[in-house]
Amino acid sequence: MILNSKSLWGMIRLPYVLSYIKESHRIEQQQYQERIKKNPKLKLPPLESYADYKEAIQIKNYTSYKLGEGLIAANRAGGGGNIALFAQSLCG
């Protein structure tokens, strides 16, 4: 989102890029769930067990993380994106 926001062409392209990412994520999640059903041993361990867990907690304070978090919240609330909620999540 940050890279695409630096030019007019990027701003025009941004909704398409985001919809592509959303769709590819949905497909990956379906494939992961199917693999888990076939072989439960493939299930990922809890986040706390990873070596870089503390670093990941610090990353939650980065602007890009908060931007993505706000976009996800706006998408869930508005069924496609509520601009006012998205802007509010960025400011607060």
PDB file of N, CA and C in Angstrom:
ATOM      1  N   MET A   1       0.822  -1.183   0.000  1.00  0.00           N
ATOM      2  CA  MET A   1       0.000   0.000   0.000  1.00  0.00           C
ATOM      3  C   MET A   1       0.867   1.248   0.000  1.00  0.00           C
ATOM      4  N   ILE A   2       1.933   1.212   0.751  1.00  0.00           N
ATOM      5  CA  ILE A   2       2.802   2.380   0.839  1.00  0.00           C
ATOM      6  C   ILE A   2       3.462   2.661  -0.503  1.00  0.00           C
ATOM      7  N   LEU A   3       3.956   1.622  -1.171  1.00  0.00           N
ATOM      8  CA  LEU A   3       4.608   1.813  -2.469  1.00  0.00           C
ATOM      9  C   LEU A   3       3.637   2.346  -3.512  1.00  0.00           C
ATOM     10  N   ASN A   4       2.408   1.831  -3.520  1.00  0.00           N
ATOM     11  CA  ASN A   4       1.430   2.267  -4.508  1.00  0.00           C
ATOM     12  C   ASN A   4       0.882   3.653  -4.221  1.00  0.00           C
ATOM     13  N   SER A   5       1.030   4.150  -3.014  1.00  0.00           N
ATOM     14  CA  SER A   5       0.470   5.456  -2.686  1.00  0.00           C
ATOM     15  C   SER A   5       1.358   6.612  -3.127  1.00  0.00           C
ATOM     16  N   LYS A   6       2.504   6.320  -3.710  1.00  0.00           N
ATOM     17  CA  LYS A   6       3.452   7.377  -4.074  1.00  0.00           C
ATOM     18  C   LYS A   6       3.238   7.951  -5.468  1.00  0.00           C
ATOM     19  N   SER A   7       2.307   7.385  -6.222  1.00  0.00           N
ATOM     20  CA  SER A   7       2.052   7.914  -7.560  1.00  0.00           C
ATOM     21  C   SER A   7       0.567   7.787  -7.885  1.00  0.00           C
ATOM     22  N   LEU A   8       0.132   8.560  -8.864  1.00  0.00           N
ATOM     23  CA  LEU A   8      -1.270   8.512  -9.282  1.00  0.00           C
ATOM     24  C   LEU A   8      -1.605   7.140  -9.852  1.00  0.00           C
ATOM     25  N   TRP A   9      -0.719   6.602 -10.680  1.00  0.00           N
ATOM     26  CA  TRP A   9      -0.958   5.277 -11.262  1.00  0.00           C
ATOM     27  C   TRP A   9      -1.045   4.221 -10.154  1.00  0.00           C
ATOM     28  N   GLY A  10      -0.211   4.350  -9.146  1.00  0.00           N
ATOM     29  CA  GLY A  10      -0.255   3.411  -8.025  1.00  0.00           C
ATOM     30  C   GLY A  10      -1.555   3.500  -7.260  1.00  0.00           C
ATOM     31  N   MET A  11      -2.075   4.708  -7.065  1.00  0.00           N
ATOM     32  CA  MET A  11      -3.349   4.888  -6.366  1.00  0.00           C
ATOM     33  C   MET A  11      -4.496   4.282  -7.165  1.00  0.00           C
ATOM     34  N   ILE A  12      -4.440   4.411  -8.476  1.00  0.00           N
ATOM     35  CA  ILE A  12      -5.472   3.828  -9.333  1.00  0.00           C
ATOM     36  C   ILE A  12      -5.391   2.303  -9.283  1.00  0.00           C
ATOM     37  N   ARG A  13      -4.195   1.793  -9.233  1.00  0.00           N
ATOM     38  CA  ARG A  13      -3.949   0.352  -9.259  1.00  0.00           C
ATOM     39  C   ARG A  13      -4.178  -0.317  -7.904  1.00  0.00           C
ATOM     40  N   LEU A  14      -4.133   0.448  -6.842  1.00  0.00           N
ATOM     41  CA  LEU A  14      -4.182  -0.082  -5.485  1.00  0.00           C
ATOM     42  C   LEU A  14      -5.379  -0.994  -5.203  1.00  0.00           C
ATOM     43  N   PRO A  15      -6.613  -0.643  -5.547  1.00  0.00           N
ATOM     44  CA  PRO A  15      -7.729  -1.558  -5.256  1.00  0.00           C
ATOM     45  C   PRO A  15      -7.582  -2.921  -5.936  1.00  0.00           C
ATOM     46  N   TYR A  16      -7.022  -2.923  -7.132  1.00  0.00           N
ATOM     47  CA  TYR A  16      -6.843  -4.186  -7.847  1.00  0.00           C
ATOM     48  C   TYR A  16      -5.766  -5.045  -7.192  1.00  0.00           C
ATOM     49  N   VAL A  17      -4.700  -4.404  -6.759  1.00  0.00           N
ATOM     50  CA  VAL A  17      -3.620  -5.119  -6.077  1.00  0.00           C
ATOM     51  C   VAL A  17      -4.137  -5.714  -4.778  1.00  0.00           C
ATOM     52  N   LEU A  18      -4.878  -4.923  -4.026  1.00  0.00           N
ATOM     53  CA  LEU A  18      -5.409  -5.406  -2.752  1.00  0.00           C
ATOM     54  C   LEU A  18      -6.408  -6.536  -2.941  1.00  0.00           C
ATOM     55  N   SER A  19      -7.252  -6.454  -3.955  1.00  0.00           N
ATOM     56  CA  SER A  19      -8.207  -7.546  -4.191  1.00  0.00           C
ATOM     57  C   SER A  19      -7.481  -8.812  -4.625  1.00  0.00           C
ATOM     58  N   TYR A  20      -6.402  -8.673  -5.390  1.00  0.00           N
ATOM     59  CA  TYR A  20      -5.617  -9.845  -5.785  1.00  0.00           C
ATOM     60  C   TYR A  20      -4.978 -10.502  -4.561  1.00  0.00           C
ATOM     61  N   ILE A  21      -4.422  -9.686  -3.673  1.00  0.00           N
ATOM     62  CA  ILE A  21      -3.800 -10.224  -2.462  1.00  0.00           C
ATOM     63  C   ILE A  21      -4.843 -10.917  -1.593  1.00  0.00           C
ATOM     64  N   LYS A  22      -6.001 -10.313  -1.455  1.00  0.00           N
ATOM     65  CA  LYS A  22      -7.068 -10.900  -0.640  1.00  0.00           C
ATOM     66  C   LYS A  22      -7.497 -12.252  -1.209  1.00  0.00           C
ATOM     67  N   GLU A  23      -7.682 -12.326  -2.503  1.00  0.00           N
ATOM     68  CA  GLU A  23      -8.118 -13.577  -3.130  1.00  0.00           C
ATOM     69  C   GLU A  23      -7.047 -14.655  -3.025  1.00  0.00           C
ATOM     70  N   SER A  24      -5.785 -14.299  -3.244  1.00  0.00           N
ATOM     71  CA  SER A  24      -4.723 -15.303  -3.141  1.00  0.00           C
ATOM     72  C   SER A  24      -4.573 -15.789  -1.699  1.00  0.00           C
ATOM     73  N   HIS A  25      -4.783 -14.910  -0.730  1.00  0.00           N
ATOM     74  CA  HIS A  25      -4.739 -15.321   0.678  1.00  0.00           C
ATOM     75  C   HIS A  25      -5.880 -16.289   0.996  1.00  0.00           C
ATOM     76  N   ARG A  26      -7.070 -16.007   0.473  1.00  0.00           N
ATOM     77  CA  ARG A  26      -8.223 -16.874   0.702  1.00  0.00           C
ATOM     78  C   ARG A  26      -7.960 -18.277   0.141  1.00  0.00           C
ATOM     79  N   ILE A  27      -7.379 -18.337  -1.043  1.00  0.00           N
ATOM     80  CA  ILE A  27      -7.078 -19.622  -1.671  1.00  0.00           C
ATOM     81  C   ILE A  27      -6.022 -20.377  -0.873  1.00  0.00           C
ATOM     82  N   GLU A  28      -4.979 -19.672  -0.421  1.00  0.00           N
ATOM     83  CA  GLU A  28      -3.936 -20.310   0.394  1.00  0.00           C
ATOM     84  C   GLU A  28      -4.509 -20.862   1.687  1.00  0.00           C
ATOM     85  N   GLN A  29      -5.435 -20.132   2.305  1.00  0.00           N
ATOM     86  CA  GLN A  29      -6.046 -20.596   3.548  1.00  0.00           C
ATOM     87  C   GLN A  29      -6.893 -21.835   3.313  1.00  0.00           C
ATOM     88  N   GLN A  30      -7.617 -21.901   2.206  1.00  0.00           N
ATOM     89  CA  GLN A  30      -8.397 -23.091   1.877  1.00  0.00           C
ATOM     90  C   GLN A  30      -7.479 -24.292   1.672  1.00  0.00           C
ATOM     91  N   GLN A  31      -6.392 -24.092   0.946  1.00  0.00           N
ATOM     92  CA  GLN A  31      -5.451 -25.183   0.708  1.00  0.00           C
ATOM     93  C   GLN A  31      -4.829 -25.663   2.016  1.00  0.00           C
ATOM     94  N   TYR A  32      -4.497 -24.737   2.904  1.00  0.00           N
ATOM     95  CA  TYR A  32      -3.917 -25.088   4.199  1.00  0.00           C
ATOM     96  C   TYR A  32      -4.912 -25.913   5.020  1.00  0.00           C
ATOM     97  N   GLN A  33      -6.173 -25.492   5.050  1.00  0.00           N
ATOM     98  CA  GLN A  33      -7.184 -26.234   5.804  1.00  0.00           C
ATOM     99  C   GLN A  33      -7.383 -27.641   5.249  1.00  0.00           C
ATOM    100  N   GLU A  34      -7.326 -27.784   3.919  1.00  0.00           N
ATOM    101  CA  GLU A  34      -7.456 -29.109   3.311  1.00  0.00           C
ATOM    102  C   GLU A  34      -6.280 -30.001   3.691  1.00  0.00           C
ATOM    103  N   ARG A  35      -5.066 -29.443   3.690  1.00  0.00           N
ATOM    104  CA  ARG A  35      -3.887 -30.215   4.090  1.00  0.00           C
ATOM    105  C   ARG A  35      -3.965 -30.632   5.550  1.00  0.00           C
ATOM    106  N   ILE A  36      -4.471 -29.749   6.404  1.00  0.00           N
ATOM    107  CA  ILE A  36      -4.603 -30.055   7.828  1.00  0.00           C
ATOM    108  C   ILE A  36      -5.600 -31.194   8.040  1.00  0.00           C
ATOM    109  N   LYS A  37      -6.675 -31.205   7.270  1.00  0.00           N
ATOM    110  CA  LYS A  37      -7.663 -32.282   7.391  1.00  0.00           C
ATOM    111  C   LYS A  37      -7.051 -33.629   7.015  1.00  0.00           C
ATOM    112  N   LYS A  38      -6.195 -33.637   5.998  1.00  0.00           N
ATOM    113  CA  LYS A  38      -5.570 -34.880   5.552  1.00  0.00           C
ATOM    114  C   LYS A  38      -4.482 -35.337   6.506  1.00  0.00           C
ATOM    115  N   ASN A  39      -3.709 -34.383   7.037  1.00  0.00           N
ATOM    116  CA  ASN A  39      -2.592 -34.724   7.910  1.00  0.00           C
ATOM    117  C   ASN A  39      -2.498 -33.692   9.043  1.00  0.00           C
ATOM    118  N   PRO A  40      -3.103 -33.974  10.204  1.00  0.00           N
ATOM    119  CA  PRO A  40      -3.103 -33.013  11.311  1.00  0.00           C
ATOM    120  C   PRO A  40      -1.710 -32.654  11.830  1.00  0.00           C
ATOM    121  N   LYS A  41      -0.702 -33.455  11.538  1.00  0.00           N
ATOM    122  CA  LYS A  41       0.652 -33.154  11.995  1.00  0.00           C
ATOM    123  C   LYS A  41       1.230 -31.913  11.312  1.00  0.00           C
ATOM    124  N   LEU A  42       0.639 -31.494  10.209  1.00  0.00           N
ATOM    125  CA  LEU A  42       1.124 -30.320   9.475  1.00  0.00           C
ATOM    126  C   LEU A  42       0.659 -29.003  10.083  1.00  0.00           C
ATOM    127  N   LYS A  43      -0.184 -29.071  11.109  1.00  0.00           N
ATOM    128  CA  LYS A  43      -0.687 -27.851  11.732  1.00  0.00           C
ATOM    129  C   LYS A  43       0.474 -27.060  12.335  1.00  0.00           C
ATOM    130  N   LEU A  44       0.462 -25.756  12.120  1.00  0.00           N
ATOM    131  CA  LEU A  44       1.521 -24.885  12.610  1.00  0.00           C
ATOM    132  C   LEU A  44       1.482 -24.781  14.134  1.00  0.00           C
ATOM    133  N   PRO A  45       2.651 -24.672  14.772  1.00  0.00           N
ATOM    134  CA  PRO A  45       2.683 -24.526  16.232  1.00  0.00           C
ATOM    135  C   PRO A  45       2.190 -23.138  16.651  1.00  0.00           C
ATOM    136  N   PRO A  46       1.887 -22.953  17.927  1.00  0.00           N
ATOM    137  CA  PRO A  46       1.443 -21.631  18.388  1.00  0.00           C
ATOM    138  C   PRO A  46       2.533 -20.579  18.177  1.00  0.00           C
ATOM    139  N   LEU A  47       2.122 -19.344  17.991  1.00  0.00           N
ATOM    140  CA  LEU A  47       3.065 -18.266  17.712  1.00  0.00           C
ATOM    141  C   LEU A  47       4.104 -18.088  18.816  1.00  0.00           C
ATOM    142  N   GLU A  48       3.728 -18.318  20.048  1.00  0.00           N
ATOM    143  CA  GLU A  48       4.635 -18.127  21.171  1.00  0.00           C
ATOM    144  C   GLU A  48       5.850 -19.048  21.108  1.00  0.00           C
ATOM    145  N   SER A  49       5.768 -20.134  20.368  1.00  0.00           N
ATOM    146  CA  SER A  49       6.864 -21.100  20.315  1.00  0.00           C
ATOM    147  C   SER A  49       7.956 -20.717  19.304  1.00  0.00           C
ATOM    148  N   TYR A  50       7.720 -19.716  18.477  1.00  0.00           N
ATOM    149  CA  TYR A  50       8.717 -19.308  17.489  1.00  0.00           C
ATOM    150  C   TYR A  50       9.823 -18.470  18.132  1.00  0.00           C
ATOM    151  N   ALA A  51      11.037 -18.587  17.592  1.00  0.00           N
ATOM    152  CA  ALA A  51      12.195 -17.897  18.152  1.00  0.00           C
ATOM    153  C   ALA A  51      12.081 -16.377  18.038  1.00  0.00           C
ATOM    154  N   ASP A  52      11.437 -15.880  16.988  1.00  0.00           N
ATOM    155  CA  ASP A  52      11.341 -14.433  16.776  1.00  0.00           C
ATOM    156  C   ASP A  52       9.998 -13.853  17.239  1.00  0.00           C
ATOM    157  N   TYR A  53       9.363 -14.500  18.175  1.00  0.00           N
ATOM    158  CA  TYR A  53       8.060 -14.037  18.658  1.00  0.00           C
ATOM    159  C   TYR A  53       8.154 -12.641  19.268  1.00  0.00           C
ATOM    160  N   LYS A  54       9.183 -12.374  20.065  1.00  0.00           N
ATOM    161  CA  LYS A  54       9.332 -11.058  20.703  1.00  0.00           C
ATOM    162  C   LYS A  54       9.537  -9.965  19.659  1.00  0.00           C
ATOM    163  N   GLU A  55      10.269 -10.278  18.607  1.00  0.00           N
ATOM    164  CA  GLU A  55      10.480  -9.319  17.524  1.00  0.00           C
ATOM    165  C   GLU A  55       9.155  -9.023  16.812  1.00  0.00           C
ATOM    166  N   ALA A  56       8.338 -10.049  16.645  1.00  0.00           N
ATOM    167  CA  ALA A  56       7.047  -9.869  15.990  1.00  0.00           C
ATOM    168  C   ALA A  56       6.141  -8.962  16.807  1.00  0.00           C
ATOM    169  N   ILE A  57       6.211  -9.060  18.112  1.00  0.00           N
ATOM    170  CA  ILE A  57       5.417  -8.190  18.972  1.00  0.00           C
ATOM    171  C   ILE A  57       5.844  -6.729  18.781  1.00  0.00           C
ATOM    172  N   GLN A  58       7.149  -6.482  18.612  1.00  0.00           N
ATOM    173  CA  GLN A  58       7.637  -5.124  18.389  1.00  0.00           C
ATOM    174  C   GLN A  58       7.184  -4.583  17.032  1.00  0.00           C
ATOM    175  N   ILE A  59       7.098  -5.456  16.047  1.00  0.00           N
ATOM    176  CA  ILE A  59       6.706  -5.047  14.698  1.00  0.00           C
ATOM    177  C   ILE A  59       5.263  -4.549  14.681  1.00  0.00           C
ATOM    178  N   LYS A  60       4.459  -4.993  15.615  1.00  0.00           N
ATOM    179  CA  LYS A  60       3.072  -4.536  15.677  1.00  0.00           C
ATOM    180  C   LYS A  60       2.970  -3.022  15.851  1.00  0.00           C
ATOM    181  N   ASN A  61       4.028  -2.369  16.261  1.00  0.00           N
ATOM    182  CA  ASN A  61       4.014  -0.923  16.431  1.00  0.00           C
ATOM    183  C   ASN A  61       4.441  -0.166  15.178  1.00  0.00           C
ATOM    184  N   TYR A  62       4.828  -0.860  14.131  1.00  0.00           N
ATOM    185  CA  TYR A  62       5.258  -0.217  12.893  1.00  0.00           C
ATOM    186  C   TYR A  62       4.057   0.348  12.141  1.00  0.00           C
ATOM    187  N   THR A  63       4.291   1.406  11.381  1.00  0.00           N
ATOM    188  CA  THR A  63       3.230   2.055  10.608  1.00  0.00           C
ATOM    189  C   THR A  63       2.626   1.115   9.576  1.00  0.00           C
ATOM    190  N   SER A  64       3.448   0.354   8.891  1.00  0.00           N
ATOM    191  CA  SER A  64       2.927  -0.541   7.851  1.00  0.00           C
ATOM    192  C   SER A  64       2.032  -1.622   8.451  1.00  0.00           C
ATOM    193  N   TYR A  65       2.365  -2.092   9.651  1.00  0.00           N
ATOM    194  CA  TYR A  65       1.532  -3.095  10.313  1.00  0.00           C
ATOM    195  C   TYR A  65       0.183  -2.488  10.678  1.00  0.00           C
ATOM    196  N   LYS A  66       0.219  -1.277  11.232  1.00  0.00           N
ATOM    197  CA  LYS A  66      -1.022  -0.615  11.627  1.00  0.00           C
ATOM    198  C   LYS A  66      -1.880  -0.283  10.409  1.00  0.00           C
ATOM    199  N   LEU A  67      -1.242   0.041   9.298  1.00  0.00           N
ATOM    200  CA  LEU A  67      -1.957   0.320   8.059  1.00  0.00           C
ATOM    201  C   LEU A  67      -2.711  -0.927   7.594  1.00  0.00           C
ATOM    202  N   GLY A  68      -2.038  -2.040   7.581  1.00  0.00           N
ATOM    203  CA  GLY A  68      -2.680  -3.294   7.193  1.00  0.00           C
ATOM    204  C   GLY A  68      -3.778  -3.704   8.158  1.00  0.00           C
ATOM    205  N   GLU A  69      -3.536  -3.530   9.432  1.00  0.00           N
ATOM    206  CA  GLU A  69      -4.528  -3.858  10.451  1.00  0.00           C
ATOM    207  C   GLU A  69      -5.787  -2.999  10.266  1.00  0.00           C
ATOM    208  N   GLY A  70      -5.593  -1.721   9.981  1.00  0.00           N
ATOM    209  CA  GLY A  70      -6.724  -0.827   9.740  1.00  0.00           C
ATOM    210  C   GLY A  70      -7.503  -1.212   8.497  1.00  0.00           C
ATOM    211  N   LEU A  71      -6.800  -1.607   7.460  1.00  0.00           N
ATOM    212  CA  LEU A  71      -7.457  -2.022   6.229  1.00  0.00           C
ATOM    213  C   LEU A  71      -8.292  -3.280   6.451  1.00  0.00           C
ATOM    214  N   ILE A  72      -7.752  -4.223   7.187  1.00  0.00           N
ATOM    215  CA  ILE A  72      -8.497  -5.452   7.480  1.00  0.00           C
ATOM    216  C   ILE A  72      -9.745  -5.146   8.289  1.00  0.00           C
ATOM    217  N   ALA A  73      -9.620  -4.293   9.303  1.00  0.00           N
ATOM    218  CA  ALA A  73     -10.777  -3.930  10.122  1.00  0.00           C
ATOM    219  C   ALA A  73     -11.837  -3.221   9.291  1.00  0.00           C
ATOM    220  N   ALA A  74     -11.426  -2.319   8.410  1.00  0.00           N
ATOM    221  CA  ALA A  74     -12.374  -1.603   7.560  1.00  0.00           C
ATOM    222  C   ALA A  74     -13.057  -2.559   6.592  1.00  0.00           C
ATOM    223  N   ASN A  75     -12.318  -3.517   6.075  1.00  0.00           N
ATOM    224  CA  ASN A  75     -12.891  -4.479   5.144  1.00  0.00           C
ATOM    225  C   ASN A  75     -13.925  -5.353   5.834  1.00  0.00           C
ATOM    226  N   ARG A  76     -13.638  -5.783   7.043  1.00  0.00           N
ATOM    227  CA  ARG A  76     -14.585  -6.622   7.786  1.00  0.00           C
ATOM    228  C   ARG A  76     -15.834  -5.847   8.165  1.00  0.00           C
ATOM    229  N   ALA A  77     -15.690  -4.601   8.550  1.00  0.00           N
ATOM    230  CA  ALA A  77     -16.816  -3.796   9.013  1.00  0.00           C
ATOM    231  C   ALA A  77     -17.720  -3.363   7.865  1.00  0.00           C
ATOM    232  N   GLY A  78     -17.136  -3.036   6.731  1.00  0.00           N
ATOM    233  CA  GLY A  78     -17.919  -2.462   5.648  1.00  0.00           C
ATOM    234  C   GLY A  78     -18.264  -3.427   4.538  1.00  0.00           C
ATOM    235  N   GLY A  79     -17.822  -4.669   4.623  1.00  0.00           N
ATOM    236  CA  GLY A  79     -18.111  -5.633   3.583  1.00  0.00           C
ATOM    237  C   GLY A  79     -17.431  -5.292   2.269  1.00  0.00           C
ATOM    238  N   GLY A  80     -16.349  -4.596   2.289  1.00  0.00           N
ATOM    239  CA  GLY A  80     -15.654  -4.211   1.083  1.00  0.00           C
ATOM    240  C   GLY A  80     -14.784  -3.014   1.332  1.00  0.00           C
ATOM    241  N   GLY A  81     -14.894  -2.474   2.498  1.00  0.00           N
ATOM    242  CA  GLY A  81     -14.028  -1.355   2.838  1.00  0.00           C
ATOM    243  C   GLY A  81     -14.812  -0.117   3.194  1.00  0.00           C
ATOM    244  N   ASN A  82     -14.692   0.314   4.412  1.00  0.00           N
ATOM    245  CA  ASN A  82     -15.333   1.517   4.888  1.00  0.00           C
ATOM    246  C   ASN A  82     -14.228   2.554   5.073  1.00  0.00           C
ATOM    247  N   ILE A  83     -14.166   3.526   4.209  1.00  0.00           N
ATOM    248  CA  ILE A  83     -13.085   4.500   4.199  1.00  0.00           C
ATOM    249  C   ILE A  83     -13.013   5.274   5.517  1.00  0.00           C
ATOM    250  N   ALA A  84     -14.154   5.653   6.074  1.00  0.00           N
ATOM    251  CA  ALA A  84     -14.146   6.416   7.318  1.00  0.00           C
ATOM    252  C   ALA A  84     -13.559   5.595   8.461  1.00  0.00           C
ATOM    253  N   LEU A  85     -13.948   4.327   8.544  1.00  0.00           N
ATOM    254  CA  LEU A  85     -13.407   3.456   9.599  1.00  0.00           C
ATOM    255  C   LEU A  85     -11.915   3.221   9.384  1.00  0.00           C
ATOM    256  N   PHE A  86     -11.524   3.064   8.136  1.00  0.00           N
ATOM    257  CA  PHE A  86     -10.106   2.862   7.820  1.00  0.00           C
ATOM    258  C   PHE A  86      -9.288   4.073   8.233  1.00  0.00           C
ATOM    259  N   ALA A  87      -9.745   5.264   7.901  1.00  0.00           N
ATOM    260  CA  ALA A  87      -9.027   6.494   8.255  1.00  0.00           C
ATOM    261  C   ALA A  87      -8.988   6.670   9.762  1.00  0.00           C
ATOM    262  N   GLN A  88     -10.075   6.343  10.438  1.00  0.00           N
ATOM    263  CA  GLN A  88     -10.121   6.467  11.885  1.00  0.00           C
ATOM    264  C   GLN A  88      -9.145   5.507  12.548  1.00  0.00           C
ATOM    265  N   SER A  89      -9.017   4.292  12.016  1.00  0.00           N
ATOM    266  CA  SER A  89      -8.086   3.330  12.607  1.00  0.00           C
ATOM    267  C   SER A  89      -6.641   3.759  12.416  1.00  0.00           C
ATOM    268  N   LEU A  90      -6.356   4.493  11.359  1.00  0.00           N
ATOM    269  CA  LEU A  90      -4.995   4.974  11.128  1.00  0.00           C
ATOM    270  C   LEU A  90      -4.647   6.111  12.092  1.00  0.00           C
ATOM    271  N   CYS A  91      -5.614   6.954  12.369  1.00  0.00           N
ATOM    272  CA  CYS A  91      -5.342   8.100  13.234  1.00  0.00           C
ATOM    273  C   CYS A  91      -5.367   7.738  14.707  1.00  0.00           C
ATOM    274  N   GLY A  92      -6.137   6.741  15.076  1.00  0.00           N
ATOM    275  CA  GLY A  92      -6.268   6.432  16.500  1.00  0.00           C
ATOM    276  C   GLY A  92      -5.664   5.188  16.853  1.00  0.00           C
TER     277      GLY A  92
END
